Amino acid sequence: GARARASVEHIARHLVDDPDGVFVDANERGDNVTLLVHASPGDLGRIIGKRGRVIQAVRQVARAAGATEDVRVTVDVAE
């Protein structure tokens, strides 16, 4: 899950106005990894995007990165 976490963190930091306010928590259970993206409240909309399209794209990238490590990755945004 390290590659998926690094990918999500990299993408999220480049989407927001305050990159220092972004961090990603990883919760690993066996071959399932849950990534929780934290950002400042003003930047949450940028990470989610219109109709959730940006976060869906981030989820696809994370799944692809997790597939290289044989783990199933899910991505959520902390409110």
PDB file of N, CA and C in Angstrom:
ATOM      1  N   GLY A   1       0.777  -1.207   0.000  1.00  0.00           N
ATOM      2  CA  GLY A   1       0.000   0.000   0.000  1.00  0.00           C
ATOM      3  C   GLY A   1       0.820   1.274   0.000  1.00  0.00           C
ATOM      4  N   ALA A   2       2.138   1.145   0.105  1.00  0.00           N
ATOM      5  CA  ALA A   2       2.983   2.340   0.172  1.00  0.00           C
ATOM      6  C   ALA A   2       2.960   3.118  -1.138  1.00  0.00           C
ATOM      7  N   ARG A   3       2.955   2.403  -2.253  1.00  0.00           N
ATOM      8  CA  ARG A   3       2.942   3.076  -3.554  1.00  0.00           C
ATOM      9  C   ARG A   3       1.616   3.810  -3.765  1.00  0.00           C
ATOM     10  N   ALA A   4       0.510   3.175  -3.387  1.00  0.00           N
ATOM     11  CA  ALA A   4      -0.801   3.808  -3.525  1.00  0.00           C
ATOM     12  C   ALA A   4      -0.894   5.039  -2.634  1.00  0.00           C
ATOM     13  N   ARG A   5      -0.402   4.925  -1.404  1.00  0.00           N
ATOM     14  CA  ARG A   5      -0.444   6.063  -0.482  1.00  0.00           C
ATOM     15  C   ARG A   5       0.384   7.227  -1.015  1.00  0.00           C
ATOM     16  N   ALA A   6       1.576   6.931  -1.505  1.00  0.00           N
ATOM     17  CA  ALA A   6       2.438   7.985  -2.047  1.00  0.00           C
ATOM     18  C   ALA A   6       1.790   8.642  -3.260  1.00  0.00           C
ATOM     19  N   SER A   7       1.136   7.858  -4.101  1.00  0.00           N
ATOM     20  CA  SER A   7       0.481   8.398  -5.289  1.00  0.00           C
ATOM     21  C   SER A   7      -0.660   9.329  -4.907  1.00  0.00           C
ATOM     22  N   VAL A   8      -1.504   8.892  -3.975  1.00  0.00           N
ATOM     23  CA  VAL A   8      -2.645   9.703  -3.546  1.00  0.00           C
ATOM     24  C   VAL A   8      -2.160  10.989  -2.893  1.00  0.00           C
ATOM     25  N   GLU A   9      -1.146  10.880  -2.055  1.00  0.00           N
ATOM     26  CA  GLU A   9      -0.631  12.080  -1.383  1.00  0.00           C
ATOM     27  C   GLU A   9      -0.045  13.065  -2.395  1.00  0.00           C
ATOM     28  N   HIS A  10       0.678  12.564  -3.365  1.00  0.00           N
ATOM     29  CA  HIS A  10       1.274  13.416  -4.392  1.00  0.00           C
ATOM     30  C   HIS A  10       0.194  14.152  -5.191  1.00  0.00           C
ATOM     31  N   ILE A  11      -0.816  13.415  -5.620  1.00  0.00           N
ATOM     32  CA  ILE A  11      -1.897  14.028  -6.394  1.00  0.00           C
ATOM     33  C   ILE A  11      -2.638  15.065  -5.560  1.00  0.00           C
ATOM     34  N   ALA A  12      -2.986  14.708  -4.326  1.00  0.00           N
ATOM     35  CA  ALA A  12      -3.755  15.614  -3.467  1.00  0.00           C
ATOM     36  C   ALA A  12      -2.980  16.894  -3.180  1.00  0.00           C
ATOM     37  N   ARG A  13      -1.680  16.777  -2.934  1.00  0.00           N
ATOM     38  CA  ARG A  13      -0.877  17.972  -2.644  1.00  0.00           C
ATOM     39  C   ARG A  13      -0.834  18.931  -3.833  1.00  0.00           C
ATOM     40  N   HIS A  14      -0.903  18.389  -5.040  1.00  0.00           N
ATOM     41  CA  HIS A  14      -0.853  19.252  -6.218  1.00  0.00           C
ATOM     42  C   HIS A  14      -2.221  19.812  -6.611  1.00  0.00           C
ATOM     43  N   LEU A  15      -3.280  19.318  -6.012  1.00  0.00           N
ATOM     44  CA  LEU A  15      -4.616  19.819  -6.311  1.00  0.00           C
ATOM     45  C   LEU A  15      -5.013  21.014  -5.454  1.00  0.00           C
ATOM     46  N   VAL A  16      -4.466  21.111  -4.246  1.00  0.00           N
ATOM     47  CA  VAL A  16      -4.965  22.068  -3.262  1.00  0.00           C
ATOM     48  C   VAL A  16      -4.141  23.350  -3.216  1.00  0.00           C
ATOM     49  N   ASP A  17      -4.705  24.364  -2.533  1.00  0.00           N
ATOM     50  CA  ASP A  17      -3.996  25.634  -2.339  1.00  0.00           C
ATOM     51  C   ASP A  17      -2.980  25.536  -1.210  1.00  0.00           C
ATOM     52  N   ASP A  18      -3.262  24.686  -0.199  1.00  0.00           N
ATOM     53  CA  ASP A  18      -2.397  24.540   0.966  1.00  0.00           C
ATOM     54  C   ASP A  18      -1.836  23.117   1.027  1.00  0.00           C
ATOM     55  N   PRO A  19      -0.744  22.841   0.299  1.00  0.00           N
ATOM     56  CA  PRO A  19      -0.221  21.472   0.248  1.00  0.00           C
ATOM     57  C   PRO A  19       0.294  20.958   1.595  1.00  0.00           C
ATOM     58  N   ASP A  20       0.682  21.862   2.494  1.00  0.00           N
ATOM     59  CA  ASP A  20       1.165  21.414   3.803  1.00  0.00           C
ATOM     60  C   ASP A  20       0.036  20.899   4.685  1.00  0.00           C
ATOM     61  N   GLY A  21      -1.199  21.233   4.350  1.00  0.00           N
ATOM     62  CA  GLY A  21      -2.345  20.789   5.127  1.00  0.00           C
ATOM     63  C   GLY A  21      -2.867  19.423   4.712  1.00  0.00           C
ATOM     64  N   VAL A  22      -2.213  18.789   3.744  1.00  0.00           N
ATOM     65  CA  VAL A  22      -2.666  17.492   3.235  1.00  0.00           C
ATOM     66  C   VAL A  22      -1.842  16.371   3.846  1.00  0.00           C
ATOM     67  N   PHE A  23      -2.531  15.369   4.388  1.00  0.00           N
ATOM     68  CA  PHE A  23      -1.844  14.130   4.754  1.00  0.00           C
ATOM     69  C   PHE A  23      -2.796  12.961   4.578  1.00  0.00           C
ATOM     70  N   VAL A  24      -2.211  11.791   4.411  1.00  0.00           N
ATOM     71  CA  VAL A  24      -2.984  10.593   4.099  1.00  0.00           C
ATOM     72  C   VAL A  24      -2.729   9.544   5.173  1.00  0.00           C
ATOM     73  N   ASP A  25      -3.809   9.083   5.814  1.00  0.00           N
ATOM     74  CA  ASP A  25      -3.721   7.983   6.782  1.00  0.00           C
ATOM     75  C   ASP A  25      -3.945   6.671   6.046  1.00  0.00           C
ATOM     76  N   ALA A  26      -3.155   5.665   6.377  1.00  0.00           N
ATOM     77  CA  ALA A  26      -3.321   4.344   5.768  1.00  0.00           C
ATOM     78  C   ALA A  26      -3.691   3.344   6.854  1.00  0.00           C
ATOM     79  N   ASN A  27      -4.740   2.581   6.604  1.00  0.00           N
ATOM     80  CA  ASN A  27      -5.178   1.530   7.513  1.00  0.00           C
ATOM     81  C   ASN A  27      -5.125   0.212   6.736  1.00  0.00           C
ATOM     82  N   GLU A  28      -4.196  -0.659   7.120  1.00  0.00           N
ATOM     83  CA  GLU A  28      -4.006  -1.899   6.382  1.00  0.00           C
ATOM     84  C   GLU A  28      -4.543  -3.081   7.174  1.00  0.00           C
ATOM     85  N   ARG A  29      -5.361  -3.881   6.504  1.00  0.00           N
ATOM     86  CA  ARG A  29      -5.859  -5.133   7.075  1.00  0.00           C
ATOM     87  C   ARG A  29      -5.665  -6.219   6.044  1.00  0.00           C
ATOM     88  N   GLY A  30      -4.654  -7.014   6.226  1.00  0.00           N
ATOM     89  CA  GLY A  30      -4.354  -8.060   5.253  1.00  0.00           C
ATOM     90  C   GLY A  30      -4.001  -7.447   3.913  1.00  0.00           C
ATOM     91  N   ASP A  31      -4.761  -7.813   2.878  1.00  0.00           N
ATOM     92  CA  ASP A  31      -4.481  -7.249   1.561  1.00  0.00           C
ATOM     93  C   ASP A  31      -5.451  -6.120   1.204  1.00  0.00           C
ATOM     94  N   ASN A  32      -6.149  -5.571   2.212  1.00  0.00           N
ATOM     95  CA  ASN A  32      -7.032  -4.420   2.017  1.00  0.00           C
ATOM     96  C   ASN A  32      -6.409  -3.187   2.657  1.00  0.00           C
ATOM     97  N   VAL A  33      -6.331  -2.114   1.903  1.00  0.00           N
ATOM     98  CA  VAL A  33      -5.768  -0.861   2.402  1.00  0.00           C
ATOM     99  C   VAL A  33      -6.813   0.240   2.229  1.00  0.00           C
ATOM    100  N   THR A  34      -7.085   0.960   3.318  1.00  0.00           N
ATOM    101  CA  THR A  34      -7.989   2.102   3.263  1.00  0.00           C
ATOM    102  C   THR A  34      -7.169   3.363   3.470  1.00  0.00           C
ATOM    103  N   LEU A  35      -7.247   4.275   2.514  1.00  0.00           N
ATOM    104  CA  LEU A  35      -6.533   5.544   2.597  1.00  0.00           C
ATOM    105  C   LEU A  35      -7.541   6.643   2.898  1.00  0.00           C
ATOM    106  N   LEU A  36      -7.238   7.445   3.908  1.00  0.00           N
ATOM    107  CA  LEU A  36      -8.100   8.548   4.307  1.00  0.00           C
ATOM    108  C   LEU A  36      -7.344   9.855   4.077  1.00  0.00           C
ATOM    109  N   VAL A  37      -7.837  10.662   3.161  1.00  0.00           N
ATOM    110  CA  VAL A  37      -7.179  11.915   2.792  1.00  0.00           C
ATOM    111  C   VAL A  37      -7.704  13.036   3.676  1.00  0.00           C
ATOM    112  N   HIS A  38      -6.799  13.708   4.368  1.00  0.00           N
ATOM    113  CA  HIS A  38      -7.137  14.864   5.202  1.00  0.00           C
ATOM    114  C   HIS A  38      -6.619  16.118   4.501  1.00  0.00           C
ATOM    115  N   ALA A  39      -7.450  17.166   4.486  1.00  0.00           N
ATOM    116  CA  ALA A  39      -7.039  18.445   3.903  1.00  0.00           C
ATOM    117  C   ALA A  39      -7.753  19.558   4.654  1.00  0.00           C
ATOM    118  N   SER A  40      -7.283  20.780   4.468  1.00  0.00           N
ATOM    119  CA  SER A  40      -7.956  21.904   5.116  1.00  0.00           C
ATOM    120  C   SER A  40      -9.363  22.044   4.513  1.00  0.00           C
ATOM    121  N   PRO A  41     -10.319  22.530   5.298  1.00  0.00           N
ATOM    122  CA  PRO A  41     -11.724  22.564   4.857  1.00  0.00           C
ATOM    123  C   PRO A  41     -11.944  23.296   3.528  1.00  0.00           C
ATOM    124  N   GLY A  42     -11.181  24.317   3.264  1.00  0.00           N
ATOM    125  CA  GLY A  42     -11.344  25.054   2.008  1.00  0.00           C
ATOM    126  C   GLY A  42     -10.890  24.285   0.785  1.00  0.00           C
ATOM    127  N   ASP A  43     -10.061  23.270   0.996  1.00  0.00           N
ATOM    128  CA  ASP A  43      -9.508  22.503  -0.123  1.00  0.00           C
ATOM    129  C   ASP A  43     -10.250  21.200  -0.387  1.00  0.00           C
ATOM    130  N   LEU A  44     -11.204  20.841   0.455  1.00  0.00           N
ATOM    131  CA  LEU A  44     -11.913  19.569   0.264  1.00  0.00           C
ATOM    132  C   LEU A  44     -12.657  19.536  -1.067  1.00  0.00           C
ATOM    133  N   GLY A  45     -13.232  20.661  -1.454  1.00  0.00           N
ATOM    134  CA  GLY A  45     -13.954  20.721  -2.720  1.00  0.00           C
ATOM    135  C   GLY A  45     -13.064  20.472  -3.917  1.00  0.00           C
ATOM    136  N   ARG A  46     -11.821  20.909  -3.834  1.00  0.00           N
ATOM    137  CA  ARG A  46     -10.880  20.689  -4.933  1.00  0.00           C
ATOM    138  C   ARG A  46     -10.529  19.210  -5.059  1.00  0.00           C
ATOM    139  N   ILE A  47     -10.423  18.523  -3.931  1.00  0.00           N
ATOM    140  CA  ILE A  47     -10.081  17.097  -3.964  1.00  0.00           C
ATOM    141  C   ILE A  47     -11.276  16.273  -4.461  1.00  0.00           C
ATOM    142  N   ILE A  48     -12.470  16.663  -4.062  1.00  0.00           N
ATOM    143  CA  ILE A  48     -13.661  15.913  -4.466  1.00  0.00           C
ATOM    144  C   ILE A  48     -14.036  16.227  -5.913  1.00  0.00           C
ATOM    145  N   GLY A  49     -14.003  17.488  -6.301  1.00  0.00           N
ATOM    146  CA  GLY A  49     -14.308  17.881  -7.669  1.00  0.00           C
ATOM    147  C   GLY A  49     -15.800  17.938  -7.942  1.00  0.00           C
ATOM    148  N   LYS A  50     -16.144  18.462  -9.099  1.00  0.00           N
ATOM    149  CA  LYS A  50     -17.549  18.543  -9.492  1.00  0.00           C
ATOM    150  C   LYS A  50     -18.101  17.140  -9.693  1.00  0.00           C
ATOM    151  N   ARG A  51     -19.217  16.894  -9.036  1.00  0.00           N
ATOM    152  CA  ARG A  51     -19.886  15.594  -9.090  1.00  0.00           C
ATOM    153  C   ARG A  51     -18.976  14.436  -8.688  1.00  0.00           C
ATOM    154  N   GLY A  52     -17.918  14.734  -7.928  1.00  0.00           N
ATOM    155  CA  GLY A  52     -17.029  13.696  -7.422  1.00  0.00           C
ATOM    156  C   GLY A  52     -16.086  13.118  -8.453  1.00  0.00           C
ATOM    157  N   ARG A  53     -15.906  13.809  -9.550  1.00  0.00           N
ATOM    158  CA  ARG A  53     -15.082  13.257 -10.634  1.00  0.00           C
ATOM    159  C   ARG A  53     -13.601  13.191 -10.276  1.00  0.00           C
ATOM    160  N   VAL A  54     -13.099  14.180  -9.559  1.00  0.00           N
ATOM    161  CA  VAL A  54     -11.671  14.193  -9.216  1.00  0.00           C
ATOM    162  C   VAL A  54     -11.352  13.052  -8.253  1.00  0.00           C
ATOM    163  N   ILE A  55     -12.163  12.881  -7.213  1.00  0.00           N
ATOM    164  CA  ILE A  55     -11.888  11.812  -6.251  1.00  0.00           C
ATOM    165  C   ILE A  55     -12.048  10.446  -6.912  1.00  0.00           C
ATOM    166  N   GLN A  56     -12.948  10.319  -7.865  1.00  0.00           N
ATOM    167  CA  GLN A  56     -13.091   9.048  -8.582  1.00  0.00           C
ATOM    168  C   GLN A  56     -11.825   8.740  -9.379  1.00  0.00           C
ATOM    169  N   ALA A  57     -11.241   9.760  -9.998  1.00  0.00           N
ATOM    170  CA  ALA A  57      -9.999   9.567 -10.743  1.00  0.00           C
ATOM    171  C   ALA A  57      -8.856   9.199  -9.799  1.00  0.00           C
ATOM    172  N   VAL A  58      -8.813   9.845  -8.636  1.00  0.00           N
ATOM    173  CA  VAL A  58      -7.783   9.526  -7.641  1.00  0.00           C
ATOM    174  C   VAL A  58      -7.947   8.081  -7.180  1.00  0.00           C
ATOM    175  N   ARG A  59      -9.187   7.641  -6.991  1.00  0.00           N
ATOM    176  CA  ARG A  59      -9.449   6.252  -6.575  1.00  0.00           C
ATOM    177  C   ARG A  59      -8.963   5.268  -7.624  1.00  0.00           C
ATOM    178  N   GLN A  60      -9.161   5.584  -8.900  1.00  0.00           N
ATOM    179  CA  GLN A  60      -8.699   4.689  -9.959  1.00  0.00           C
ATOM    180  C   GLN A  60      -7.180   4.589  -9.978  1.00  0.00           C
ATOM    181  N   VAL A  61      -6.510   5.712  -9.810  1.00  0.00           N
ATOM    182  CA  VAL A  61      -5.045   5.702  -9.767  1.00  0.00           C
ATOM    183  C   VAL A  61      -4.560   4.878  -8.572  1.00  0.00           C
ATOM    184  N   ALA A  62      -5.215   5.061  -7.414  1.00  0.00           N
ATOM    185  CA  ALA A  62      -4.827   4.320  -6.211  1.00  0.00           C
ATOM    186  C   ALA A  62      -5.043   2.825  -6.402  1.00  0.00           C
ATOM    187  N   ARG A  63      -6.163   2.440  -7.036  1.00  0.00           N
ATOM    188  CA  ARG A  63      -6.419   1.021  -7.291  1.00  0.00           C
ATOM    189  C   ARG A  63      -5.348   0.435  -8.196  1.00  0.00           C
ATOM    190  N   ALA A  64      -4.952   1.190  -9.213  1.00  0.00           N
ATOM    191  CA  ALA A  64      -3.922   0.712 -10.130  1.00  0.00           C
ATOM    192  C   ALA A  64      -2.580   0.572  -9.421  1.00  0.00           C
ATOM    193  N   ALA A  65      -2.255   1.536  -8.571  1.00  0.00           N
ATOM    194  CA  ALA A  65      -0.999   1.466  -7.815  1.00  0.00           C
ATOM    195  C   ALA A  65      -1.041   0.305  -6.832  1.00  0.00           C
ATOM    196  N   GLY A  66      -2.187   0.061  -6.221  1.00  0.00           N
ATOM    197  CA  GLY A  66      -2.327  -1.061  -5.298  1.00  0.00           C
ATOM    198  C   GLY A  66      -2.252  -2.395  -6.000  1.00  0.00           C
ATOM    199  N   ALA A  67      -2.727  -2.445  -7.231  1.00  0.00           N
ATOM    200  CA  ALA A  67      -2.698  -3.696  -7.988  1.00  0.00           C
ATOM    201  C   ALA A  67      -1.270  -4.153  -8.252  1.00  0.00           C
ATOM    202  N   THR A  68      -0.341  -3.205  -8.359  1.00  0.00           N
ATOM    203  CA  THR A  68       1.057  -3.593  -8.577  1.00  0.00           C
ATOM    204  C   THR A  68       1.651  -4.250  -7.335  1.00  0.00           C
ATOM    205  N   GLU A  69       1.016  -3.999  -6.172  1.00  0.00           N
ATOM    206  CA  GLU A  69       1.483  -4.589  -4.913  1.00  0.00           C
ATOM    207  C   GLU A  69       0.542  -5.683  -4.411  1.00  0.00           C
ATOM    208  N   ASP A  70      -0.431  -6.069  -5.249  1.00  0.00           N
ATOM    209  CA  ASP A  70      -1.413  -7.096  -4.896  1.00  0.00           C
ATOM    210  C   ASP A  70      -2.213  -6.746  -3.652  1.00  0.00           C
ATOM    211  N   VAL A  71      -2.652  -5.502  -3.553  1.00  0.00           N
ATOM    212  CA  VAL A  71      -3.538  -5.074  -2.461  1.00  0.00           C
ATOM    213  C   VAL A  71      -4.739  -4.374  -3.067  1.00  0.00           C
ATOM    214  N   ARG A  72      -5.866  -4.427  -2.360  1.00  0.00           N
ATOM    215  CA  ARG A  72      -7.081  -3.731  -2.755  1.00  0.00           C
ATOM    216  C   ARG A  72      -7.125  -2.412  -1.998  1.00  0.00           C
ATOM    217  N   VAL A  73      -7.242  -1.312  -2.737  1.00  0.00           N
ATOM    218  CA  VAL A  73      -7.167   0.013  -2.130  1.00  0.00           C
ATOM    219  C   VAL A  73      -8.511   0.732  -2.255  1.00  0.00           C
ATOM    220  N   THR A  74      -8.934   1.341  -1.146  1.00  0.00           N
ATOM    221  CA  THR A  74     -10.084   2.235  -1.174  1.00  0.00           C
ATOM    222  C   THR A  74      -9.621   3.597  -0.656  1.00  0.00           C
ATOM    223  N   VAL A  75     -10.192   4.660  -1.216  1.00  0.00           N
ATOM    224  CA  VAL A  75      -9.807   6.022  -0.847  1.00  0.00           C
ATOM    225  C   VAL A  75     -11.049   6.774  -0.370  1.00  0.00           C
ATOM    226  N   ASP A  76     -10.949   7.412   0.790  1.00  0.00           N
ATOM    227  CA  ASP A  76     -12.009   8.246   1.323  1.00  0.00           C
ATOM    228  C   ASP A  76     -11.452   9.609   1.671  1.00  0.00           C
ATOM    229  N   VAL A  77     -12.342  10.598   1.763  1.00  0.00           N
ATOM    230  CA  VAL A  77     -11.937  11.959   2.124  1.00  0.00           C
ATOM    231  C   VAL A  77     -12.484  12.248   3.516  1.00  0.00           C
ATOM    232  N   ALA A  78     -11.616  12.689   4.415  1.00  0.00           N
ATOM    233  CA  ALA A  78     -12.032  13.053   5.773  1.00  0.00           C
ATOM    234  C   ALA A  78     -12.680  14.427   5.738  1.00  0.00           C
ATOM    235  N   GLU A  79     -13.757  14.573   6.489  1.00  0.00           N
ATOM    236  CA  GLU A  79     -14.442  15.860   6.510  1.00  0.00           C
ATOM    237  C   GLU A  79     -14.003  16.669   7.715  1.00  0.00           C
TER     238      GLU A  79
END
